[in-house]
Amino acid sequence: QVQLVESGGGLVQAGGSLRLSCAASRTSFYFGAMDWYRQAPGRQREWVASLSTGGNTNYADSVKGRFSISRGAARNTVYLQMNSLKPEDTAVYYCHTIDTVPTYWGQGTQVTVSS
């Protein structure tokens, strides 16, 4: 069993940047394939970005060119660098393991972008 803990959310003005982190509760847990999701009020959770075990990345069209997913050198932290933030990026952001059984979700971190 492992817990994922997101951090780095907050309030930022449009055009600003935030860097979200997702860390495992056990330092011996190494992230393989991971992704980030987000959920805005009144909307379904949506996929944002993914990172394969080999380092390949994919992004939702809405964040392509602005967000970047990466893995820490120790492979037990995953990041989401968010630049040029827009009010429509306001949501709770969740990290998620792809290739574990079971998969794990973090508790979420709130990102609020003011206009």
Protein backbone atom coordinates (compact mmCIF):
# COMPACT_ATOMS: atom_id res chain seq x y z
CA GLN A 1 0.00 0.00 0.00
CA VAL A 2 1.25 3.46 -0.83
CA GLN A 3 -0.17 6.94 -0.56
CA LEU A 4 0.42 9.68 -3.09
CA VAL A 5 0.73 13.21 -1.75
CA GLU A 6 0.34 16.17 -4.06
CA SER A 7 1.61 19.64 -3.21
CA GLY A 8 2.35 22.94 -4.89
CA GLY A 9 -1.15 24.14 -5.61
CA GLY A 10 -2.34 27.62 -4.75
CA LEU A 11 -3.75 30.88 -6.05
CA VAL A 12 -2.03 32.48 -9.03
CA GLN A 13 -2.89 35.21 -11.51
CA ALA A 14 -3.54 34.40 -15.13
CA GLY A 15 -0.28 34.06 -16.98
CA GLY A 16 1.53 32.81 -13.92
CA SER A 17 3.16 29.47 -13.19
CA LEU A 18 2.92 26.72 -10.61
CA ARG A 19 4.81 23.48 -10.14
CA LEU A 20 2.88 20.58 -8.69
CA SER A 21 4.64 17.68 -7.01
CA CYS A 22 3.43 14.17 -6.33
CA ALA A 23 5.41 12.12 -3.83
CA ALA A 24 4.97 8.58 -2.62
CA SER A 25 4.54 7.91 1.10
CA ARG A 26 7.19 5.22 0.91
CA THR A 27 10.62 6.26 -0.30
CA SER A 28 11.09 2.73 -1.62
CA PHE A 29 8.20 3.20 -4.06
CA TYR A 30 9.39 4.08 -7.53
CA PHE A 31 7.05 5.65 -10.01
CA GLY A 32 6.60 3.95 -13.33
CA ALA A 33 4.01 5.30 -15.70
CA MET A 34 2.07 8.20 -14.15
CA ASP A 35 -0.51 10.73 -15.11
CA TRP A 36 -2.17 13.86 -13.84
CA TYR A 37 -5.88 14.53 -13.87
CA ARG A 38 -7.91 17.54 -12.83
CA GLN A 39 -11.47 18.18 -11.76
CA ALA A 40 -13.14 21.55 -11.91
CA PRO A 41 -16.29 22.30 -9.88
CA GLY A 42 -19.33 20.72 -11.47
CA ARG A 43 -17.29 18.91 -14.10
CA GLN A 44 -15.99 15.39 -14.57
CA ARG A 45 -12.41 14.52 -13.81
CA GLU A 46 -10.33 14.94 -16.96
CA TRP A 47 -6.96 13.64 -18.01
CA VAL A 48 -4.22 16.27 -18.27
CA ALA A 49 -0.89 14.59 -18.97
CA SER A 50 0.89 11.25 -18.82
CA LEU A 51 4.45 10.03 -18.51
CA SER A 52 5.49 6.54 -19.56
CA THR A 53 8.09 4.43 -17.82
CA GLY A 54 10.42 5.18 -20.69
CA GLY A 55 9.90 8.92 -20.43
CA ASN A 56 7.43 9.52 -23.25
CA THR A 57 4.90 12.25 -22.53
CA ASN A 58 1.42 13.05 -23.75
CA TYR A 59 -0.79 16.04 -23.05
CA ALA A 60 -4.39 17.06 -23.39
CA ASP A 61 -4.84 19.58 -26.19
CA SER A 62 -5.99 22.17 -23.67
CA VAL A 63 -2.61 22.19 -21.90
CA LYS A 64 -0.21 21.24 -24.70
CA GLY A 65 2.68 23.68 -24.92
CA ARG A 66 1.98 25.10 -21.45
CA PHE A 67 2.28 22.12 -19.08
CA SER A 68 5.15 19.70 -18.67
CA ILE A 69 5.17 16.39 -16.78
CA SER A 70 8.44 14.98 -15.48
CA ARG A 71 9.87 12.52 -13.00
CA GLY A 72 12.43 13.24 -10.32
CA ALA A 73 15.86 11.66 -10.52
CA ALA A 74 15.05 9.36 -7.59
CA ARG A 75 11.92 8.20 -9.46
CA ASN A 76 9.71 8.66 -6.40
CA THR A 77 8.41 12.11 -7.29
CA VAL A 78 6.49 13.30 -10.32
CA TYR A 79 6.04 16.92 -11.27
CA LEU A 80 3.63 18.96 -13.33
CA GLN A 81 5.07 22.30 -14.39
CA MET A 82 2.24 24.62 -15.37
CA ASN A 83 3.02 27.81 -17.25
CA SER A 84 0.85 30.50 -18.84
CA LEU A 85 -2.00 29.53 -16.55
CA LYS A 86 -5.54 30.45 -17.50
CA PRO A 87 -8.67 30.80 -15.35
CA GLU A 88 -10.02 27.66 -17.02
CA ASP A 89 -7.12 25.71 -15.50
CA THR A 90 -8.74 26.19 -12.08
CA ALA A 91 -9.35 22.72 -10.64
CA VAL A 92 -8.23 20.16 -8.13
CA TYR A 93 -5.26 18.31 -9.60
CA TYR A 94 -4.61 14.64 -8.90
CA CYS A 95 -1.68 12.38 -9.65
CA HIS A 96 -2.33 8.76 -10.50
CA THR A 97 -0.30 5.64 -11.06
CA ILE A 98 -0.96 3.88 -14.35
CA ASP A 99 0.87 0.59 -14.15
CA THR A 100 0.40 -0.52 -10.55
CA VAL A 101 -2.17 -3.02 -9.32
CA PRO A 102 -4.18 -1.51 -7.82
CA THR A 103 -3.70 1.99 -9.21
CA TYR A 104 -3.34 4.81 -6.72
CA TRP A 105 -4.68 8.35 -6.57
CA GLY A 106 -3.47 11.25 -4.55
CA GLN A 107 -5.79 13.38 -2.45
CA GLY A 108 -5.55 16.33 -4.82
CA THR A 109 -4.18 19.85 -4.66
CA GLN A 110 -6.24 22.93 -5.47
CA VAL A 111 -5.10 25.27 -8.24
CA THR A 112 -6.97 28.55 -8.60
CA VAL A 113 -6.16 30.96 -11.42
CA SER A 114 -7.59 34.45 -11.13
CA SER A 115 -8.31 36.62 -14.15
